[in-house]
Amino acid sequence: MSKPKGFEKPIGVKDYLPGAVAKLRHIERQVLACMQGWGYEQIITPTMEYYDTVGMASSTSDAKLFKLLNNRGTTLVLRSDMTAPIARVVASLLKQEDFPQRLSYHSNVFRAIEEEAGREAEFFQTGVELVGDSSAEADAEVVALAIASLNAAGVERFKIAIGHVGFLNGLLGETLPGNTEAQEQLKSCLLGRDHVGYRQRLRELSLEVPVQRELEGILRLRGGAEICDQALQLSADETARTSIRHLCEIWDVLKAYGVSEYVLIDLTMIGDFSYYTGMTFEAYAADLGFPVASGGRYDNLLAQFGRPAPATGFALKTTRIVELLGDEAEAEVERTLIVYDAAGRTAALAKAQELRSQGVNVVTERADGRSGTPAAAGAAEPFTHKGVRYAALLSYGGNGLKGGSAT
């Protein structure tokens, strides 16, 4: 294998230039402020975790974990999500704190990818975890907060599809008892949104006609509150029916929040992590084929860290939102340019400090070879100087330095 060139970087990672960083930080600030307004406190966890604890609990397959050894030969991982690290903290550093606990975060996570897949190995997430509340109210809260967070990030046109792991588990267990291989194959098709493959697999199973129709029927279970009634008629399995009733409660709470217009019930939703135990959801923005947020309930994860507790949460896929919004994500930054020469240096730099203390973005520049008396007149219009846009110009120094537009 040839040695990489000096400008090359590993596949799946990227450099963020100033414009992209400004957009990313803008989204981060707006979303975290929104989450704080709902009572969520921000937490930061280490980039590296022990493989035997967080790595094993993360539900990310071994093949997708970045592993490394420390100097004592212990296997570490780069965090592949934030849910498992936060579960570790809740069960240890926060074990004396009462439930429920509301925590938020903005972090980079890492997942090994196939080179030809064109996906990112490092990306940013902004999300929340609500730990210690098993109610439909808690599930509805995180869905409503996901909607508020997407709005805060600047995403206006999107839909959230919610489902329930228990419905599919109950229905498949009722219709395909003991055939776990077929159940997993059908779930895999639904997870990949491969409805053609799902129907094909049903035909290959040579099921009785009523059973095949029943399993094909779930592909049409997408919509509003009426889907709950249809699903209750579809299955007699108690797990499936309990799951549907829970979704009905979530829908009622979302109506009370006034956000049900963003939501549709999709009973083919199963979530892409095996630790989900209940409600799951994904948010899809218009004109983008990938979800911009996802989440769900994971009531068994905390037990792996010695503090059993129900929990629910979500993560915004912040990197995708940056790409989706483009230039809309960054508010115009107003900068003032202060130009000075040797004679005006002291006054110019003092003025720069004064303006910065008032929250003004200031760039200073030495203009060599000019002389005259100090001036401090602001430019009447925004202008561009050396490729940077400025809202005002102040100049300090000789006669050749006049306030106004620069070129």
Protein backbone atom coordinates (compact mmCIF):
# COMPACT_ATOMS: atom_id res chain seq x y z
CA MET A 1 0.00 0.00 0.00
CA SER A 2 1.40 3.37 -1.00
CA LYS A 3 2.13 6.02 1.62
CA PRO A 4 -0.65 8.65 1.79
CA LYS A 5 0.17 12.10 0.47
CA GLY A 6 0.44 14.99 2.87
CA PHE A 7 -2.94 16.43 1.90
CA GLU A 8 -4.85 13.13 2.08
CA LYS A 9 -7.07 12.04 4.97
CA PRO A 10 -8.74 8.73 5.85
CA ILE A 11 -11.88 7.78 3.94
CA GLY A 12 -15.09 8.74 5.72
CA VAL A 13 -13.78 11.83 7.52
CA LYS A 14 -13.83 15.42 6.33
CA ASP A 15 -12.40 18.86 6.98
CA TYR A 16 -14.82 21.61 7.95
CA LEU A 17 -13.83 24.99 6.54
CA PRO A 18 -14.84 28.27 8.26
CA GLY A 19 -18.17 28.61 6.45
CA ALA A 20 -19.24 25.06 7.30
CA VAL A 21 -18.09 25.42 10.91
CA ALA A 22 -20.13 28.62 11.26
CA LYS A 23 -23.23 26.76 10.04
CA LEU A 24 -22.55 23.79 12.32
CA ARG A 25 -22.06 26.01 15.39
CA HIS A 26 -25.15 28.04 14.54
CA ILE A 27 -27.27 24.88 14.46
CA GLU A 28 -25.62 23.61 17.64
CA ARG A 29 -26.32 26.83 19.55
CA GLN A 30 -29.93 27.11 18.39
CA VAL A 31 -30.79 23.48 19.11
CA LEU A 32 -29.08 23.28 22.51
CA ALA A 33 -30.84 26.50 23.54
CA CYS A 34 -34.15 24.93 22.48
CA MET A 35 -33.39 21.79 24.51
CA GLN A 36 -32.40 23.87 27.53
CA GLY A 37 -35.75 25.62 27.27
CA TRP A 38 -37.40 22.21 27.74
CA GLY A 39 -35.37 21.53 30.90
CA TYR A 40 -32.53 19.44 29.42
CA GLU A 41 -29.00 19.97 30.78
CA GLN A 42 -26.00 19.44 28.53
CA ILE A 43 -23.51 16.64 29.20
CA ILE A 44 -20.12 15.81 27.64
CA THR A 45 -18.69 12.29 27.68
CA PRO A 46 -15.26 11.01 26.58
CA THR A 47 -14.52 10.31 22.93
CA MET A 48 -12.97 6.98 24.00
CA GLU A 49 -14.75 4.35 26.08
CA TYR A 50 -13.99 0.80 27.20
CA TYR A 51 -15.03 -1.83 24.68
CA ASP A 52 -16.20 -4.20 27.44
CA THR A 53 -18.69 -1.65 28.79
CA VAL A 54 -19.94 1.06 26.43
CA GLY A 55 -18.70 -0.72 23.31
CA MET A 56 -20.60 -3.89 24.11
CA ALA A 57 -23.73 -1.98 25.19
CA SER A 58 -23.84 0.37 22.20
CA SER A 59 -25.67 -2.12 19.94
CA THR A 60 -23.37 -1.08 17.10
CA SER A 61 -22.02 -4.19 15.41
CA ASP A 62 -18.40 -5.09 16.11
CA ALA A 63 -17.53 -4.53 12.46
CA LYS A 64 -18.62 -0.88 12.74
CA LEU A 65 -16.66 -0.05 15.91
CA PHE A 66 -13.32 1.75 15.82
CA LYS A 67 -11.16 -0.19 18.28
CA LEU A 68 -7.76 0.67 19.70
CA LEU A 69 -5.48 -0.57 22.47
CA ASN A 70 -4.12 1.59 25.26
CA ASN A 71 -0.61 1.13 26.65
CA ARG A 72 -1.85 -1.58 29.04
CA GLY A 73 -3.38 -3.63 26.25
CA THR A 74 -6.99 -2.81 27.16
CA THR A 75 -9.37 -2.52 24.21
CA LEU A 76 -11.01 0.89 23.81
CA VAL A 77 -13.53 2.15 21.28
CA LEU A 78 -14.34 5.51 19.80
CA ARG A 79 -17.94 6.16 20.85
CA SER A 80 -20.35 5.00 18.14
CA ASP A 81 -23.39 6.72 19.66
CA MET A 82 -24.18 8.84 22.71
CA THR A 83 -26.96 6.79 24.30
CA ALA A 84 -24.72 4.10 25.81
CA PRO A 85 -22.15 6.59 27.25
CA ILE A 86 -24.95 8.61 28.84
CA ALA A 87 -26.46 5.43 30.28
CA ARG A 88 -23.06 4.73 31.88
CA VAL A 89 -22.99 8.22 33.44
CA VAL A 90 -26.58 8.00 34.71
CA ALA A 91 -25.76 4.68 36.38
CA SER A 92 -22.54 5.95 37.98
CA LEU A 93 -21.85 9.67 38.41
CA LEU A 94 -25.56 10.51 38.51
CA LYS A 95 -26.75 7.48 40.45
CA GLN A 96 -27.70 9.60 43.47
CA GLU A 97 -29.86 11.91 41.34
CA ASP A 98 -33.59 11.27 41.28
CA PHE A 99 -35.51 10.30 38.17
CA PRO A 100 -36.51 11.55 35.72
CA GLN A 101 -33.26 12.95 34.39
CA ARG A 102 -33.20 15.13 31.28
CA LEU A 103 -29.83 15.34 29.53
CA SER A 104 -28.74 16.86 26.20
CA TYR A 105 -25.54 16.69 24.15
CA HIS A 106 -23.74 17.75 20.99
CA SER A 107 -20.91 15.40 20.05
CA ASN A 108 -19.05 13.68 17.26
CA VAL A 109 -19.46 9.92 16.96
CA PHE A 110 -17.57 7.31 14.94
CA ARG A 111 -18.65 4.27 12.95
CA ALA A 112 -16.43 2.25 10.65
CA ILE A 113 -17.84 2.09 7.13
CA GLU A 114 -17.14 0.28 3.89
CA GLU A 115 -15.01 2.47 1.66
CA GLU A 116 -17.33 2.14 -1.30
CA ALA A 117 -20.43 3.06 0.72
CA GLY A 118 -19.77 6.81 0.50
CA ARG A 119 -20.89 7.31 4.10
CA GLU A 120 -19.21 9.25 6.88
CA ALA A 121 -17.14 7.52 9.53
CA GLU A 122 -17.24 10.60 11.80
CA PHE A 123 -20.30 12.78 12.14
CA PHE A 124 -22.05 15.08 14.61
CA GLN A 125 -25.20 14.43 16.61
CA THR A 126 -27.27 16.73 18.83
CA GLY A 127 -29.79 15.01 21.03
CA VAL A 128 -31.45 14.28 24.36
CA GLU A 129 -32.09 11.39 26.72
CA LEU A 130 -35.07 11.33 29.10
CA VAL A 131 -34.28 8.69 31.72
CA GLY A 132 -36.58 7.30 34.39
CA ASP A 133 -40.03 7.79 32.84
CA SER A 134 -41.86 4.94 31.08
CA SER A 135 -45.00 6.86 30.18
CA ALA A 136 -46.49 7.76 26.82
CA GLU A 137 -46.14 11.37 27.98
CA ALA A 138 -42.33 10.95 28.02
CA ASP A 139 -42.29 9.43 24.54
CA ALA A 140 -44.47 12.24 23.24
CA GLU A 141 -42.22 14.81 24.92
CA VAL A 142 -39.12 13.65 23.04
CA VAL A 143 -41.02 13.56 19.73
CA ALA A 144 -42.38 17.06 20.33
CA LEU A 145 -38.91 18.26 21.33
CA ALA A 146 -37.43 16.69 18.19
CA ILE A 147 -39.92 18.74 16.16
CA ALA A 148 -39.04 21.91 18.08
CA SER A 149 -35.31 21.17 17.65
CA LEU A 150 -35.62 20.69 13.89
CA ASN A 151 -37.47 23.99 13.67
CA ALA A 152 -34.76 25.65 15.76
CA ALA A 153 -32.12 24.23 13.42
CA GLY A 154 -33.89 25.82 10.46
CA VAL A 155 -35.50 22.69 9.01
CA GLU A 156 -39.03 23.68 8.05
CA ARG A 157 -40.41 20.93 5.80
CA PHE A 158 -40.25 17.49 7.39
CA LYS A 159 -42.36 14.59 8.63
CA ILE A 160 -41.83 12.29 11.59
CA ALA A 161 -42.82 8.63 11.25
CA ILE A 162 -43.44 6.81 14.52
CA GLY A 163 -43.86 3.10 15.11
CA HIS A 164 -43.51 0.58 17.90
CA VAL A 165 -41.14 -2.37 18.15
CA GLY A 166 -43.68 -4.32 20.19
CA PHE A 167 -46.29 -4.25 17.42
CA LEU A 168 -44.07 -5.97 14.87
CA ASN A 169 -42.66 -8.39 17.44
CA GLY A 170 -46.16 -9.35 18.54
CA LEU A 171 -47.59 -9.61 15.04
CA LEU A 172 -44.70 -11.66 13.64
CA GLY A 173 -44.66 -13.90 16.71
CA GLU A 174 -48.39 -14.52 16.25
CA THR A 175 -48.25 -15.21 12.50
CA LEU A 176 -44.84 -16.95 12.28
CA PRO A 177 -44.54 -18.74 15.66
CA GLY A 178 -41.11 -20.28 16.20
CA ASN A 179 -39.79 -19.17 12.81
CA THR A 180 -37.30 -16.61 14.13
CA GLU A 181 -35.22 -16.71 10.95
CA ALA A 182 -38.15 -15.62 8.80
CA GLN A 183 -39.12 -12.98 11.35
CA GLU A 184 -35.62 -11.47 11.28
CA GLN A 185 -35.54 -11.54 7.46
CA LEU A 186 -38.82 -9.67 7.27
CA LYS A 187 -37.65 -7.14 9.87
CA SER A 188 -34.46 -6.61 7.87
CA CYS A 189 -36.49 -5.80 4.77
CA LEU A 190 -38.62 -3.31 6.71
CA LEU A 191 -35.56 -1.71 8.28
CA GLY A 192 -34.10 -1.15 4.81
CA ARG A 193 -37.50 0.12 3.54
CA ASP A 194 -37.33 -2.71 1.00
CA HIS A 195 -41.04 -3.35 0.57
CA VAL A 196 -40.50 -5.23 -2.70
CA GLY A 197 -38.12 -7.60 -0.93
CA TYR A 198 -40.58 -7.92 1.96
CA ARG A 199 -43.38 -9.05 -0.36
CA GLN A 200 -41.04 -11.43 -2.15
CA ARG A 201 -39.97 -13.03 1.13
CA LEU A 202 -43.62 -13.47 2.14
CA ARG A 203 -44.30 -15.32 -1.12
CA GLU A 204 -41.30 -17.57 -0.52
CA LEU A 205 -42.68 -18.56 2.90
CA SER A 206 -45.76 -20.16 1.24
CA LEU A 207 -48.05 -18.88 3.98
CA GLU A 208 -51.79 -19.38 4.12
CA VAL A 209 -53.58 -16.66 2.17
CA PRO A 210 -55.15 -14.92 5.22
CA VAL A 211 -51.77 -14.79 7.00
CA GLN A 212 -50.00 -13.45 3.91
CA ARG A 213 -52.65 -10.77 3.46
CA GLU A 214 -52.33 -9.84 7.14
CA LEU A 215 -48.56 -9.41 6.89
CA GLU A 216 -48.79 -7.53 3.60
CA GLY A 217 -51.42 -5.32 5.18
CA ILE A 218 -48.96 -3.65 7.54
CA LEU A 219 -47.33 -1.93 4.55
CA ARG A 220 -50.51 0.14 4.25
CA LEU A 221 -50.59 1.10 7.92
CA ARG A 222 -49.35 4.67 7.51
CA GLY A 223 -51.34 7.71 8.52
CA GLY A 224 -52.97 9.41 11.47
CA ALA A 225 -55.00 8.26 14.46
CA GLU A 226 -57.14 6.01 12.24
CA ILE A 227 -54.12 3.68 11.85
CA CYS A 228 -54.39 2.76 15.53
CA ASP A 229 -57.95 1.46 15.05
CA GLN A 230 -56.97 -0.48 11.91
CA ALA A 231 -53.99 -2.07 13.66
CA LEU A 232 -56.09 -3.17 16.63
CA GLN A 233 -58.32 -5.08 14.21
CA LEU A 234 -55.31 -6.65 12.49
CA SER A 235 -53.85 -8.58 15.42
CA ALA A 236 -55.18 -10.37 18.48
CA ASP A 237 -51.71 -10.66 20.03
CA GLU A 238 -51.66 -8.87 23.37
CA THR A 239 -48.11 -7.50 22.90
CA ALA A 240 -49.10 -5.99 19.56
CA ARG A 241 -52.33 -4.55 20.95
CA THR A 242 -50.63 -3.07 24.02
CA SER A 243 -48.08 -1.43 21.73
CA ILE A 244 -50.81 0.10 19.58
CA ARG A 245 -52.63 1.46 22.62
CA HIS A 246 -49.35 3.08 23.73
CA LEU A 247 -48.99 4.71 20.30
CA CYS A 248 -52.58 5.99 20.56
CA GLU A 249 -51.70 7.67 23.86
CA ILE A 250 -48.59 9.23 22.30
CA TRP A 251 -50.70 10.57 19.43
CA ASP A 252 -53.18 12.16 21.87
CA VAL A 253 -50.35 13.92 23.73
CA LEU A 254 -48.83 15.15 20.45
CA LYS A 255 -52.21 16.60 19.52
CA ALA A 256 -52.19 18.44 22.84
CA TYR A 257 -48.73 19.81 21.98
CA GLY A 258 -50.20 21.02 18.69
CA VAL A 259 -47.62 19.18 16.56
CA SER A 260 -49.54 16.17 15.22
CA GLU A 261 -49.46 17.73 11.73
CA TYR A 262 -45.76 16.81 11.58
CA VAL A 263 -46.37 13.18 12.57
CA LEU A 264 -47.61 10.05 10.87
CA ILE A 265 -47.95 6.58 12.35
CA ASP A 266 -45.93 4.01 10.40
CA LEU A 267 -46.18 0.50 11.80
CA THR A 268 -43.33 -0.77 9.62
CA MET A 269 -40.92 1.33 11.72
CA ILE A 270 -38.58 -0.79 13.85
CA GLY A 271 -35.53 1.40 14.48
CA ASP A 272 -31.94 0.61 13.54
CA PHE A 273 -30.64 -0.31 17.01
CA SER A 274 -31.43 -3.59 18.75
CA TYR A 275 -31.74 -1.89 22.15
CA TYR A 276 -35.04 -0.22 21.19
CA THR A 277 -37.89 -1.75 23.16
CA GLY A 278 -40.90 0.44 22.37
CA MET A 279 -41.77 3.52 20.37
CA THR A 280 -39.30 4.41 17.60
CA PHE A 281 -39.33 7.32 15.16
CA GLU A 282 -37.47 8.92 12.27
CA ALA A 283 -37.71 12.42 10.81
CA TYR A 284 -37.43 12.92 7.07
CA ALA A 285 -36.87 16.31 5.50
CA ALA A 286 -38.35 17.18 2.13
CA ASP A 287 -36.02 16.42 -0.79
CA LEU A 288 -33.63 14.35 1.34
CA GLY A 289 -33.65 10.56 1.24
CA PHE A 290 -31.93 10.09 4.60
CA PRO A 291 -33.45 10.72 8.04
CA VAL A 292 -32.38 13.94 9.78
CA ALA A 293 -33.37 12.68 13.25
CA SER A 294 -34.18 9.37 14.89
CA GLY A 295 -34.93 8.04 18.32
CA GLY A 296 -37.03 5.79 20.47
CA ARG A 297 -37.50 3.98 23.76
CA TYR A 298 -34.80 1.71 25.21
CA ASP A 299 -35.95 0.39 28.59
CA ASN A 300 -33.33 -2.38 28.98
CA LEU A 301 -30.07 -0.52 28.35
CA LEU A 302 -29.58 1.00 31.82
CA ALA A 303 -29.73 -2.46 33.41
CA GLN A 304 -26.45 -3.32 31.65
CA PHE A 305 -24.80 -0.64 33.81
CA GLY A 306 -26.41 -1.77 37.05
CA ARG A 307 -29.19 0.79 37.35
CA PRO A 308 -32.35 -0.48 35.62
CA ALA A 309 -34.54 2.36 34.40
CA PRO A 310 -36.83 3.13 31.45
CA ALA A 311 -35.51 5.70 28.99
CA THR A 312 -36.33 7.41 25.72
CA GLY A 313 -34.54 9.94 23.52
CA PHE A 314 -33.49 11.06 20.07
CA ALA A 315 -30.57 12.44 18.09
CA LEU A 316 -30.53 15.01 15.32
CA LYS A 317 -28.14 14.05 12.53
CA THR A 318 -26.51 17.47 12.65
CA THR A 319 -24.03 16.88 9.84
CA ARG A 320 -26.86 16.07 7.42
CA ILE A 321 -28.77 19.16 8.52
CA VAL A 322 -25.73 21.32 7.69
CA GLU A 323 -25.70 19.86 4.18
CA LEU A 324 -29.47 20.20 3.85
CA LEU A 325 -29.68 23.86 4.83
CA GLY A 326 -26.66 25.09 2.90
CA ASP A 327 -26.17 28.85 3.20
CA GLU A 328 -29.51 29.23 5.00
CA ALA A 329 -27.98 27.85 8.20
CA GLU A 330 -25.59 30.75 8.66
CA ALA A 331 -26.82 34.19 9.61
CA GLU A 332 -24.93 37.02 7.96
CA VAL A 333 -21.95 37.87 10.16
CA GLU A 334 -21.46 41.60 10.47
CA ARG A 335 -17.81 42.59 10.71
CA THR A 336 -16.14 45.95 11.10
CA LEU A 337 -12.76 46.59 9.48
CA ILE A 338 -10.33 48.93 11.26
CA VAL A 339 -7.39 50.08 9.14
CA TYR A 340 -4.48 51.92 10.75
CA ASP A 341 -0.90 52.99 10.26
CA ALA A 342 1.93 53.41 12.77
CA ALA A 343 0.64 56.75 13.98
CA GLY A 344 -2.90 55.47 14.53
CA ARG A 345 -2.07 52.04 15.94
CA THR A 346 -2.79 52.77 19.62
CA ALA A 347 -6.11 54.47 18.96
CA ALA A 348 -7.16 51.82 16.42
CA LEU A 349 -6.43 48.85 18.65
CA ALA A 350 -8.12 50.54 21.61
CA LYS A 351 -11.21 51.12 19.46
CA ALA A 352 -11.14 47.48 18.36
CA GLN A 353 -11.11 46.30 21.98
CA GLU A 354 -13.98 48.66 22.83
CA LEU A 355 -16.14 47.35 19.97
CA ARG A 356 -15.35 43.71 20.72
CA SER A 357 -16.41 44.23 24.33
CA GLN A 358 -19.76 45.34 22.89
CA GLY A 359 -20.09 42.14 20.88
CA VAL A 360 -18.97 43.55 17.52
CA ASN A 361 -16.81 41.36 15.26
CA VAL A 362 -13.72 43.41 14.41
CA VAL A 363 -10.82 42.77 12.04
CA THR A 364 -7.77 45.04 12.26
CA GLU A 365 -5.30 45.64 9.43
CA ARG A 366 -2.06 47.61 9.24
CA ALA A 367 -1.89 49.83 6.16
CA ASP A 368 1.83 50.35 5.60
CA GLY A 369 3.16 53.40 3.76
CA ARG A 370 0.31 55.73 4.59
CA SER A 371 0.56 58.88 6.70
CA GLY A 372 -1.63 61.74 7.87
CA THR A 373 -4.05 62.55 10.67
CA PRO A 374 -6.45 60.07 12.38
CA ALA A 375 -9.98 59.62 10.97
CA ALA A 376 -12.89 57.51 12.17
CA ALA A 377 -15.78 57.72 9.72
CA GLY A 378 -17.93 54.62 9.12
CA ALA A 379 -18.67 53.26 5.67
CA ALA A 380 -22.20 54.07 4.49
CA GLU A 381 -22.72 50.68 2.79
CA PRO A 382 -21.40 47.14 3.31
CA PHE A 383 -18.32 46.45 1.22
CA THR A 384 -15.93 43.67 0.32
CA HIS A 385 -12.22 43.82 1.06
CA LYS A 386 -9.82 41.01 0.13
CA GLY A 387 -12.74 38.66 -0.35
CA VAL A 388 -14.35 39.36 3.04
CA ARG A 389 -17.61 41.28 3.45
CA TYR A 390 -17.70 44.08 6.04
CA ALA A 391 -20.52 46.20 7.38
CA ALA A 392 -18.36 49.22 8.30
CA LEU A 393 -14.87 50.70 7.96
CA LEU A 394 -12.97 52.73 10.55
CA SER A 395 -9.56 54.14 9.79
CA TYR A 396 -6.89 55.60 12.08
CA GLY A 397 -3.74 57.25 10.89
CA GLY A 398 -2.57 59.56 8.13
CA ASN A 399 -4.33 61.64 5.48
CA GLY A 400 -4.54 58.65 3.15
CA LEU A 401 -6.73 56.72 5.63
CA LYS A 402 -10.32 57.87 5.28
CA GLY A 403 -13.38 56.14 6.62
CA GLY A 404 -15.45 54.54 3.84
CA SER A 405 -15.55 51.56 1.52
CA ALA A 406 -12.34 49.61 0.97
CA THR A 407 -11.36 47.82 -2.22
